[in-house]
C-alpha atoms as a PDB file:
ATOM      1  CA  MET A   1      54.587 159.331  17.427  1.00  0.00           C
ATOM      2  CA  SER A   2      54.873 160.178  13.687  1.00  0.00           C
ATOM      3  CA  GLU A   3      57.647 159.102  11.606  1.00  0.00           C
ATOM      4  CA  ALA A   4      60.152 161.533   9.994  1.00  0.00           C
ATOM      5  CA  VAL A   5      59.599 161.965   6.143  1.00  0.00           C
ATOM      6  CA  THR A   6      61.740 163.734   3.514  1.00  0.00           C
ATOM      7  CA  TRP A   7      60.813 167.281   2.438  1.00  0.00           C
ATOM      8  CA  GLN A   8      62.002 169.104  -0.632  1.00  0.00           C
ATOM      9  CA  ILE A   9      62.369 172.760  -0.252  1.00  0.00           C
ATOM     10  CA  THR A  10      62.979 174.586  -3.643  1.00  0.00           C
ATOM     11  CA  LEU A  11      64.128 178.280  -3.544  1.00  0.00           C
ATOM     12  CA  THR A  12      64.630 180.403  -6.615  1.00  0.00           C
ATOM     13  CA  VAL A  13      66.751 183.470  -6.210  1.00  0.00           C
ATOM     14  CA  PRO A  14      68.943 185.801  -8.357  1.00  0.00           C
ATOM     15  CA  LYS A  15      72.649 184.766  -8.794  1.00  0.00           C
ATOM     16  CA  ALA A  16      73.920 187.385  -6.396  1.00  0.00           C
ATOM     17  CA  LEU A  17      71.818 186.192  -3.657  1.00  0.00           C
ATOM     18  CA  ALA A  18      72.639 182.461  -4.054  1.00  0.00           C
ATOM     19  CA  PRO A  19      75.583 182.240  -1.777  1.00  0.00           C
ATOM     20  CA  GLY A  20      74.073 183.924   1.097  1.00  0.00           C
ATOM     21  CA  ALA A  21      70.861 181.741   0.784  1.00  0.00           C
ATOM     22  CA  GLU A  22      73.189 178.663   0.663  1.00  0.00           C
ATOM     23  CA  ALA A  23      74.750 179.857   3.800  1.00  0.00           C
ATOM     24  CA  VAL A  24      71.618 180.312   5.557  1.00  0.00           C
ATOM     25  CA  LEU A  25      70.164 176.912   4.384  1.00  0.00           C
ATOM     26  CA  GLU A  26      73.196 174.781   5.284  1.00  0.00           C
ATOM     27  CA  GLY A  27      72.287 175.572   8.827  1.00  0.00           C
ATOM     28  CA  PHE A  28      69.484 173.237   8.512  1.00  0.00           C
ATOM     29  CA  GLY A  29      71.478 170.279   7.453  1.00  0.00           C
ATOM     30  CA  GLY A  30      70.272 167.812   4.866  1.00  0.00           C
ATOM     31  CA  ALA A  31      71.362 167.704   1.405  1.00  0.00           C
ATOM     32  CA  MET A  32      71.509 170.763  -0.958  1.00  0.00           C
ATOM     33  CA  VAL A  33      71.791 170.969  -4.795  1.00  0.00           C
ATOM     34  CA  THR A  34      72.113 174.227  -6.697  1.00  0.00           C
ATOM     35  CA  SER A  35      71.219 174.466 -10.219  1.00  0.00           C
ATOM     36  CA  HIS A  36      72.563 177.244 -12.523  1.00  0.00           C
ATOM     37  CA  GLU A  37      70.156 178.905 -15.077  1.00  0.00           C
ATOM     38  CA  GLY A  38      71.696 182.049 -16.531  1.00  0.00           C
ATOM     39  CA  GLU A  39      71.190 184.720 -13.764  1.00  0.00           C
ATOM     40  CA  VAL A  40      68.957 182.640 -11.659  1.00  0.00           C
ATOM     41  CA  ARG A  41      69.823 180.006  -9.131  1.00  0.00           C
ATOM     42  CA  GLN A  42      67.314 177.170  -7.924  1.00  0.00           C
ATOM     43  CA  ILE A  43      68.396 175.803  -4.648  1.00  0.00           C
ATOM     44  CA  ASP A  44      66.836 172.425  -3.562  1.00  0.00           C
ATOM     45  CA  LEU A  45      67.284 171.481  -0.041  1.00  0.00           C
ATOM     46  CA  TYR A  46      66.240 167.963   1.315  1.00  0.00           C
ATOM     47  CA  LEU A  47      65.398 167.666   4.863  1.00  0.00           C
ATOM     48  CA  GLU A  48      64.154 164.724   7.063  1.00  0.00           C
ATOM     49  CA  ARG A  49      61.746 165.854   9.686  1.00  0.00           C
ATOM     50  CA  GLU A  50      58.212 164.998  10.917  1.00  0.00           C
ATOM     51  CA  GLU A  51      56.497 168.198   9.958  1.00  0.00           C
ATOM     52  CA  ALA A  52      56.634 170.271   6.903  1.00  0.00           C
ATOM     53  CA  PRO A  53      58.957 173.230   6.956  1.00  0.00           C
ATOM     54  CA  ASP A  54      57.196 176.589   7.237  1.00  0.00           C
ATOM     55  CA  GLY A  55      57.842 178.318   3.664  1.00  0.00           C
ATOM     56  CA  ALA A  56      56.758 181.690   4.694  1.00  0.00           C
ATOM     57  CA  ALA A  57      58.858 181.667   7.952  1.00  0.00           C
ATOM     58  CA  LEU A  58      61.911 180.533   5.916  1.00  0.00           C
ATOM     59  CA  ALA A  59      61.308 183.194   3.443  1.00  0.00           C
ATOM     60  CA  ALA A  60      61.094 185.752   6.235  1.00  0.00           C
ATOM     61  CA  LEU A  61      64.504 184.382   7.593  1.00  0.00           C
ATOM     62  CA  LEU A  62      66.227 184.529   4.294  1.00  0.00           C
ATOM     63  CA  SER A  63      64.912 188.094   3.502  1.00  0.00           C
ATOM     64  CA  GLU A  64      66.294 189.319   6.870  1.00  0.00           C
ATOM     65  CA  SER A  65      69.496 187.636   6.497  1.00  0.00           C
ATOM     66  CA  LEU A  66      70.119 188.687   2.793  1.00  0.00           C
ATOM     67  CA  GLY A  67      68.664 192.226   3.208  1.00  0.00           C
ATOM     68  CA  ALA A  68      66.517 191.675   0.232  1.00  0.00           C
ATOM     69  CA  ALA A  69      63.017 190.266  -0.406  1.00  0.00           C
ATOM     70  CA  VAL A  70      62.851 186.560  -1.078  1.00  0.00           C
ATOM     71  CA  ASP A  71      59.854 184.708  -2.290  1.00  0.00           C
ATOM     72  CA  ALA A  72      58.558 181.776  -0.199  1.00  0.00           C
ATOM     73  CA  PRO A  73      60.143 178.651  -1.293  1.00  0.00           C
ATOM     74  CA  ALA A  74      58.014 175.705  -2.616  1.00  0.00           C
ATOM     75  CA  VAL A  75      57.896 172.889  -0.064  1.00  0.00           C
ATOM     76  CA  SER A  76      56.774 169.336  -1.069  1.00  0.00           C
ATOM     77  CA  ARG A  77      56.935 165.777   0.399  1.00  0.00           C
ATOM     78  CA  VAL A  78      59.382 163.515  -1.230  1.00  0.00           C
ATOM     79  CA  VAL A  79      57.605 160.048  -1.415  1.00  0.00           C
ATOM     80  CA  GLU A  80      59.712 156.863  -1.944  1.00  0.00           C
ATOM     81  CA  ARG A  81      62.860 158.923  -2.646  1.00  0.00           C
ATOM     82  CA  ASP A  82      66.391 158.404  -1.281  1.00  0.00           C
ATOM     83  CA  TRP A  83      67.604 161.986  -0.606  1.00  0.00           C
ATOM     84  CA  VAL A  84      71.163 160.852  -0.266  1.00  0.00           C
ATOM     85  CA  ALA A  85      70.933 159.196  -3.701  1.00  0.00           C
ATOM     86  CA  GLU A  86      69.147 162.369  -5.189  1.00  0.00           C
ATOM     87  CA  SER A  87      71.942 164.404  -4.101  1.00  0.00           C
ATOM     88  CA  GLN A  88      74.448 161.908  -5.453  1.00  0.00           C
ATOM     89  CA  ARG A  89      72.893 162.149  -8.896  1.00  0.00           C
ATOM     90  CA  HIS A  90      73.708 165.797  -9.105  1.00  0.00           C
ATOM     91  CA  PHE A  91      77.344 165.179  -8.108  1.00  0.00           C
ATOM     92  CA  PRO A  92      79.626 164.812 -10.962  1.00  0.00           C
ATOM     93  CA  VAL A  93      83.300 164.223 -10.881  1.00  0.00           C
ATOM     94  CA  LEU A  94      84.877 167.328  -9.866  1.00  0.00           C
ATOM     95  CA  GLU A  95      88.505 168.612 -10.704  1.00  0.00           C
ATOM     96  CA  PHE A  96      90.452 171.095  -8.442  1.00  0.00           C
ATOM     97  CA  GLY A  97      93.916 171.406  -9.392  1.00  0.00           C
ATOM     98  CA  ARG A  98      95.294 167.822  -9.240  1.00  0.00           C
ATOM     99  CA  PHE A  99      92.354 166.763  -7.064  1.00  0.00           C
ATOM    100  CA  LEU A 100      89.522 164.592  -8.448  1.00  0.00           C
ATOM    101  CA  VAL A 101      86.513 164.419  -6.149  1.00  0.00           C
ATOM    102  CA  TYR A 102      83.912 161.733  -7.177  1.00  0.00           C
ATOM    103  CA  GLY A 103      81.033 159.745  -5.442  1.00  0.00           C
ATOM    104  CA  SER A 104      80.532 156.032  -5.275  1.00  0.00           C
ATOM    105  CA  HIS A 105      78.081 156.221  -8.054  1.00  0.00           C
ATOM    106  CA  HIS A 106      81.044 156.726 -10.316  1.00  0.00           C
ATOM    107  CA  THR A 107      83.888 154.418 -11.207  1.00  0.00           C
ATOM    108  CA  ARG A 108      87.195 155.558  -9.928  1.00  0.00           C
ATOM    109  CA  PRO A 109      88.679 158.118 -12.226  1.00  0.00           C
ATOM    110  CA  ARG A 110      91.842 156.906 -14.016  1.00  0.00           C
ATOM    111  CA  ALA A 111      93.974 159.963 -14.654  1.00  0.00           C
ATOM    112  CA  TYR A 112      97.877 159.946 -14.331  1.00  0.00           C
ATOM    113  CA  GLY A 113      99.242 162.338 -11.882  1.00  0.00           C
ATOM    114  CA  ARG A 114      95.893 163.152 -10.315  1.00  0.00           C
ATOM    115  CA  LEU A 115      94.749 162.754  -6.576  1.00  0.00           C
ATOM    116  CA  PRO A 116      91.432 160.903  -6.277  1.00  0.00           C
ATOM    117  CA  LEU A 117      89.244 161.373  -3.401  1.00  0.00           C
ATOM    118  CA  LEU A 118      85.906 159.255  -2.999  1.00  0.00           C
ATOM    119  CA  ILE A 119      83.553 161.221  -1.067  1.00  0.00           C
ATOM    120  CA  ASP A 120      79.738 160.760  -1.153  1.00  0.00           C
ATOM    121  CA  ALA A 121      77.270 163.501  -0.491  1.00  0.00           C
ATOM    122  CA  GLY A 122      74.985 163.122   2.562  1.00  0.00           C
ATOM    123  CA  ARG A 123      75.886 162.998   6.221  1.00  0.00           C
ATOM    124  CA  ALA A 124      78.402 165.591   6.458  1.00  0.00           C
ATOM    125  CA  PHE A 125      79.520 168.878   4.940  1.00  0.00           C
ATOM    126  CA  GLY A 126      82.318 168.717   2.400  1.00  0.00           C
ATOM    127  CA  THR A 127      81.941 167.046  -0.880  1.00  0.00           C
ATOM    128  CA  GLY A 128      83.701 169.611  -3.171  1.00  0.00           C
ATOM    129  CA  GLN A 129      80.364 170.711  -4.670  1.00  0.00           C
ATOM    130  CA  HIS A 130      80.379 173.871  -2.395  1.00  0.00           C
ATOM    131  CA  ASP A 131      82.741 176.586  -3.480  1.00  0.00           C
ATOM    132  CA  SER A 132      84.274 177.090  -0.170  1.00  0.00           C
ATOM    133  CA  THR A 133      85.459 173.471  -0.258  1.00  0.00           C
ATOM    134  CA  ALA A 134      86.730 173.904  -3.602  1.00  0.00           C
ATOM    135  CA  LEU A 135      88.713 177.090  -2.796  1.00  0.00           C
ATOM    136  CA  ALA A 136      90.281 175.431   0.228  1.00  0.00           C
ATOM    137  CA  LEU A 137      91.381 172.496  -1.865  1.00  0.00           C
ATOM    138  CA  LEU A 138      92.933 174.837  -4.485  1.00  0.00           C
ATOM    139  CA  LEU A 139      94.868 176.677  -1.761  1.00  0.00           C
ATOM    140  CA  LEU A 140      95.911 173.385  -0.127  1.00  0.00           C
ATOM    141  CA  GLU A 141      97.626 172.193  -3.318  1.00  0.00           C
ATOM    142  CA  ARG A 142      99.648 175.463  -3.556  1.00  0.00           C
ATOM    143  CA  LEU A 143     101.322 174.463  -0.249  1.00  0.00           C
ATOM    144  CA  GLN A 144     102.721 171.083  -1.617  1.00  0.00           C
ATOM    145  CA  PRO A 145     106.175 172.335  -2.166  1.00  0.00           C
ATOM    146  CA  ARG A 146     106.404 173.870   1.363  1.00  0.00           C
ATOM    147  CA  TYR A 147     106.240 170.791   3.269  1.00  0.00           C
ATOM    148  CA  ARG A 148     107.390 167.209   3.203  1.00  0.00           C
ATOM    149  CA  GLN A 149     105.492 165.705   6.394  1.00  0.00           C
ATOM    150  CA  PRO A 150     103.514 168.386   7.908  1.00  0.00           C
ATOM    151  CA  LYS A 151     101.535 167.970  11.151  1.00  0.00           C
ATOM    152  CA  LEU A 152      97.985 169.568  10.271  1.00  0.00           C
ATOM    153  CA  LEU A 153      94.587 170.066  11.901  1.00  0.00           C
ATOM    154  CA  ASP A 154      91.446 170.017   9.792  1.00  0.00           C
ATOM    155  CA  LEU A 155      89.201 172.094  12.099  1.00  0.00           C
ATOM    156  CA  GLY A 156      85.352 171.630  11.529  1.00  0.00           C
ATOM    157  CA  CYS A 157      86.377 168.706   9.271  1.00  0.00           C
ATOM    158  CA  GLY A 158      82.764 167.633   8.157  1.00  0.00           C
ATOM    159  CA  SER A 159      83.573 164.794   5.712  1.00  0.00           C
ATOM    160  CA  GLY A 160      87.116 164.851   6.416  1.00  0.00           C
ATOM    161  CA  ILE A 161      87.964 165.827   2.709  1.00  0.00           C
ATOM    162  CA  LEU A 162      90.497 168.441   3.637  1.00  0.00           C
ATOM    163  CA  ALA A 163      92.517 166.225   5.924  1.00  0.00           C
ATOM    164  CA  LEU A 164      92.337 163.434   3.512  1.00  0.00           C
ATOM    165  CA  ALA A 165      93.335 165.555   0.557  1.00  0.00           C
ATOM    166  CA  ALA A 166      96.175 166.742   2.589  1.00  0.00           C
ATOM    167  CA  LEU A 167      97.259 163.040   3.074  1.00  0.00           C
ATOM    168  CA  ARG A 168      97.087 162.588  -0.633  1.00  0.00           C
ATOM    169  CA  LEU A 169      99.541 165.277  -1.085  1.00  0.00           C
ATOM    170  CA  TRP A 170     101.724 164.293   1.752  1.00  0.00           C
ATOM    171  CA  PRO A 171     101.403 160.700   2.519  1.00  0.00           C
ATOM    172  CA  GLY A 172     103.896 161.033   5.571  1.00  0.00           C
ATOM    173  CA  ALA A 173     101.727 163.836   7.220  1.00  0.00           C
ATOM    174  CA  SER A 174     100.164 163.557  10.398  1.00  0.00           C
ATOM    175  CA  ALA A 175      96.477 164.702  10.384  1.00  0.00           C
ATOM    176  CA  LEU A 176      93.994 165.444  13.063  1.00  0.00           C
ATOM    177  CA  ALA A 177      90.410 165.886  12.086  1.00  0.00           C
ATOM    178  CA  ALA A 178      88.131 167.518  14.639  1.00  0.00           C
ATOM    179  CA  ASP A 179      84.403 168.477  14.409  1.00  0.00           C
ATOM    180  CA  ILE A 180      81.736 169.415  17.031  1.00  0.00           C
ATOM    181  CA  ASP A 181      79.359 166.937  15.259  1.00  0.00           C
ATOM    182  CA  PRO A 182      79.923 163.134  16.216  1.00  0.00           C
ATOM    183  CA  GLN A 183      78.414 162.052  13.087  1.00  0.00           C
ATOM    184  CA  SER A 184      80.849 164.167  10.961  1.00  0.00           C
ATOM    185  CA  VAL A 185      83.750 162.479  12.879  1.00  0.00           C
ATOM    186  CA  ALA A 186      82.290 158.987  11.954  1.00  0.00           C
ATOM    187  CA  VAL A 187      81.801 159.980   8.480  1.00  0.00           C
ATOM    188  CA  ALA A 188      85.516 161.300   8.083  1.00  0.00           C
ATOM    189  CA  ARG A 189      86.768 157.897   9.555  1.00  0.00           C
ATOM    190  CA  ASP A 190      84.632 156.227   7.002  1.00  0.00           C
ATOM    191  CA  ASN A 191      86.040 158.242   4.259  1.00  0.00           C
ATOM    192  CA  ARG A 192      89.538 157.531   5.275  1.00  0.00           C
ATOM    193  CA  ARG A 193      88.840 153.833   5.063  1.00  0.00           C
ATOM    194  CA  VAL A 194      87.063 153.608   1.641  1.00  0.00           C
ATOM    195  CA  ASN A 195      89.840 155.873   0.295  1.00  0.00           C
ATOM    196  CA  ARG A 196      92.451 153.385   1.676  1.00  0.00           C
ATOM    197  CA  ILE A 197      94.474 156.444   2.811  1.00  0.00           C
ATOM    198  CA  ALA A 198      97.495 155.206   4.901  1.00  0.00           C
ATOM    199  CA  GLY A 199      99.337 157.560   7.241  1.00  0.00           C
ATOM    200  CA  ASP A 200      98.567 159.013  10.568  1.00  0.00           C
ATOM    201  CA  PHE A 201      95.015 160.071  10.602  1.00  0.00           C
ATOM    202  CA  ARG A 202      92.721 160.462  13.522  1.00  0.00           C
ATOM    203  CA  ALA A 203      89.334 162.100  13.922  1.00  0.00           C
ATOM    204  CA  VAL A 204      88.020 163.350  17.166  1.00  0.00           C
ATOM    205  CA  THR A 205      84.752 165.212  18.492  1.00  0.00           C
ATOM    206  CA  SER A 206      85.845 168.553  19.798  1.00  0.00           C
ATOM    207  CA  ASN A 207      84.041 171.948  20.304  1.00  0.00           C
ATOM    208  CA  GLY A 208      86.497 174.045  18.525  1.00  0.00           C
ATOM    209  CA  LEU A 209      90.030 173.405  19.789  1.00  0.00           C
ATOM    210  CA  ARG A 210      88.992 172.436  23.263  1.00  0.00           C
ATOM    211  CA  GLN A 211      89.364 168.674  23.218  1.00  0.00           C
ATOM    212  CA  ALA A 212      92.504 167.441  24.865  1.00  0.00           C
ATOM    213  CA  ASP A 213      93.923 165.613  21.858  1.00  0.00           C
ATOM    214  CA  VAL A 214      93.627 168.723  19.881  1.00  0.00           C
ATOM    215  CA  GLN A 215      95.550 170.778  22.521  1.00  0.00           C
ATOM    216  CA  ARG A 216      98.196 168.295  23.051  1.00  0.00           C
ATOM    217  CA  ALA A 217      99.021 167.873  19.275  1.00  0.00           C
ATOM    218  CA  ALA A 218      99.621 171.649  18.915  1.00  0.00           C
ATOM    219  CA  PRO A 219     101.482 173.469  17.533  1.00  0.00           C
ATOM    220  CA  TYR A 220     100.656 172.449  13.861  1.00  0.00           C
ATOM    221  CA  ASP A 221     102.351 173.285  10.682  1.00  0.00           C
ATOM    222  CA  LEU A 222      99.251 173.534   8.937  1.00  0.00           C
ATOM    223  CA  ILE A 223      95.468 174.443  10.065  1.00  0.00           C
ATOM    224  CA  LEU A 224      92.539 173.968   7.726  1.00  0.00           C
ATOM    225  CA  ALA A 225      89.258 175.659   8.807  1.00  0.00           C
ATOM    226  CA  ASN A 226      86.468 175.703   6.454  1.00  0.00           C
ATOM    227  CA  ILE A 227      83.811 176.862   8.830  1.00  0.00           C
ATOM    228  CA  LEU A 228      81.743 180.050   8.906  1.00  0.00           C
ATOM    229  CA  THR A 229      82.637 183.778   9.566  1.00  0.00           C
ATOM    230  CA  ARG A 230      81.385 183.938  13.069  1.00  0.00           C
ATOM    231  CA  PRO A 231      83.235 180.845  14.598  1.00  0.00           C
ATOM    232  CA  LEU A 232      86.358 181.857  12.522  1.00  0.00           C
ATOM    233  CA  LEU A 233      86.361 185.326  14.211  1.00  0.00           C
ATOM    234  CA  ILE A 234      85.567 183.900  17.664  1.00  0.00           C
ATOM    235  CA  MET A 235      88.242 181.365  17.590  1.00  0.00           C
ATOM    236  CA  ALA A 236      90.917 183.393  16.037  1.00  0.00           C
ATOM    237  CA  PRO A 237      93.257 183.746  19.057  1.00  0.00           C
ATOM    238  CA  GLU A 238      93.046 179.955  19.614  1.00  0.00           C
ATOM    239  CA  ILE A 239      93.655 179.177  16.142  1.00  0.00           C
ATOM    240  CA  ALA A 240      96.696 181.619  15.895  1.00  0.00           C
ATOM    241  CA  LYS A 241      98.099 180.155  19.063  1.00  0.00           C
ATOM    242  CA  ALA A 242      97.857 176.669  17.806  1.00  0.00           C
ATOM    243  CA  LEU A 243      99.711 177.365  14.654  1.00  0.00           C
ATOM    244  CA  ALA A 244     103.610 176.950  14.618  1.00  0.00           C
ATOM    245  CA  PRO A 245     105.911 179.900  13.783  1.00  0.00           C
ATOM    246  CA  GLY A 246     106.011 179.870   9.995  1.00  0.00           C
ATOM    247  CA  GLY A 247     103.054 177.614   9.734  1.00  0.00           C
ATOM    248  CA  HIS A 248     100.025 178.124   7.331  1.00  0.00           C
ATOM    249  CA  LEU A 249      96.285 178.603   7.873  1.00  0.00           C
ATOM    250  CA  ILE A 250      93.651 178.178   5.246  1.00  0.00           C
ATOM    251  CA  LEU A 251      90.478 179.998   6.031  1.00  0.00           C
ATOM    252  CA  ALA A 252      87.295 179.262   4.110  1.00  0.00           C
ATOM    253  CA  GLY A 253      83.435 179.137   4.471  1.00  0.00           C
ATOM    254  CA  PHE A 254      82.799 182.770   4.332  1.00  0.00           C
ATOM    255  CA  LEU A 255      81.389 185.317   1.865  1.00  0.00           C
ATOM    256  CA  GLU A 256      83.498 187.665  -0.001  1.00  0.00           C
ATOM    257  CA  GLY A 257      81.870 190.627   1.905  1.00  0.00           C
ATOM    258  CA  ASP A 258      83.376 189.053   5.234  1.00  0.00           C
ATOM    259  CA  ARG A 259      86.855 188.760   3.801  1.00  0.00           C
ATOM    260  CA  VAL A 260      88.242 192.088   4.873  1.00  0.00           C
ATOM    261  CA  ARG A 261      87.354 191.880   8.486  1.00  0.00           C
ATOM    262  CA  LEU A 262      88.521 188.269   8.849  1.00  0.00           C
ATOM    263  CA  GLU A 263      91.895 189.095   7.129  1.00  0.00           C
ATOM    264  CA  ALA A 264      92.206 192.035   9.541  1.00  0.00           C
ATOM    265  CA  ARG A 265      91.463 189.970  12.610  1.00  0.00           C
ATOM    266  CA  TYR A 266      94.079 187.400  11.783  1.00  0.00           C
ATOM    267  CA  ARG A 267      96.756 190.098  10.747  1.00  0.00           C
ATOM    268  CA  ALA A 268      96.405 191.572  14.298  1.00  0.00           C
ATOM    269  CA  LEU A 269      97.218 188.175  15.533  1.00  0.00           C
ATOM    270  CA  GLY A 270     100.496 187.797  13.783  1.00  0.00           C
ATOM    271  CA  LEU A 271      99.522 186.134  10.523  1.00  0.00           C
ATOM    272  CA  ALA A 272     100.326 187.518   7.013  1.00  0.00           C
ATOM    273  CA  LEU A 273      98.274 187.155   3.875  1.00  0.00           C
ATOM    274  CA  ALA A 274     100.042 184.741   1.418  1.00  0.00           C
ATOM    275  CA  ALA A 275      97.161 184.262  -1.182  1.00  0.00           C
ATOM    276  CA  ARG A 276      93.538 184.737  -1.578  1.00  0.00           C
ATOM    277  CA  GLN A 277      90.948 183.063  -3.850  1.00  0.00           C
ATOM    278  CA  GLY A 278      87.307 183.704  -4.603  1.00  0.00           C
ATOM    279  CA  ARG A 279      84.564 181.744  -6.497  1.00  0.00           C
ATOM    280  CA  GLY A 280      80.736 182.101  -6.731  1.00  0.00           C
ATOM    281  CA  GLY A 281      80.636 184.828  -4.091  1.00  0.00           C
ATOM    282  CA  TRP A 282      82.690 182.836  -1.688  1.00  0.00           C
ATOM    283  CA  SER A 283      86.274 183.673  -0.494  1.00  0.00           C
ATOM    284  CA  ALA A 284      89.113 181.762   0.999  1.00  0.00           C
ATOM    285  CA  LEU A 285      92.489 183.007   2.646  1.00  0.00           C
ATOM    286  CA  LEU A 286      96.011 181.503   2.897  1.00  0.00           C
ATOM    287  CA  LEU A 287      97.764 183.086   5.941  1.00  0.00           C
ATOM    288  CA  ARG A 288     101.284 182.554   7.270  1.00  0.00           C
ATOM    289  CA  LYS A 289     102.290 182.999  10.911  1.00  0.00           C
ATOM    290  CA  ARG A 290     105.240 185.425  11.373  1.00  0.00           C
END
């Protein structure tokens, strides 16, 4: 049996197509780095697998998904290279409002009044590098004056960054992080430990809101859902039901083109728009249950 090796897939696309291309490539897992150069974006995806990815097939998938012709990406084998470390080298200290997100290759930032979060790139989505995570963090900070000790759910938690950011804002909060991927749940627990975040935090494996602990803890004052358009649409009735009257919902992980239908879907379930933000072709919504 052959051993898995690391492959680098390098895709170059116009700026306008980059958000959609990133959304497609995220489905393959691995580590992704996007470089900005004028009106062009270079996206490097690092994957561990036995066989080389099919560049032509990937180009066909991207072209169909984006509705525009995309050149086949370059595929090369990475020899004696740590793909997690490679991703970390491109991960600077990031600032989102009061939040400072950094990797372990940096010393802990010292800044009065800021909220530091140590999140390494690698095994789970959510480092702050992606615009959808950044938007969710910015909307989260806006809610600080609204609550003192909220009960919250981070749905599709990935690295746990949003739940941990909430506990930085409200140390007395109760946070439940849930993800369908057991590895993400393990990463979220590790990130809580390395950040030395006290308070009530649990991470569980759950397919949406189906896990018993997730259901028992409802209703929530705040739900954070940085996922993708389709699951946000499908789970809308369950999410709305799990939210307490007057509670807030942050939706992220979708492109600007999907914002209107998502907003309409949740409005029909009794949620009103409180704020919206966009960045790099991505969008996020802050909603309040009537």
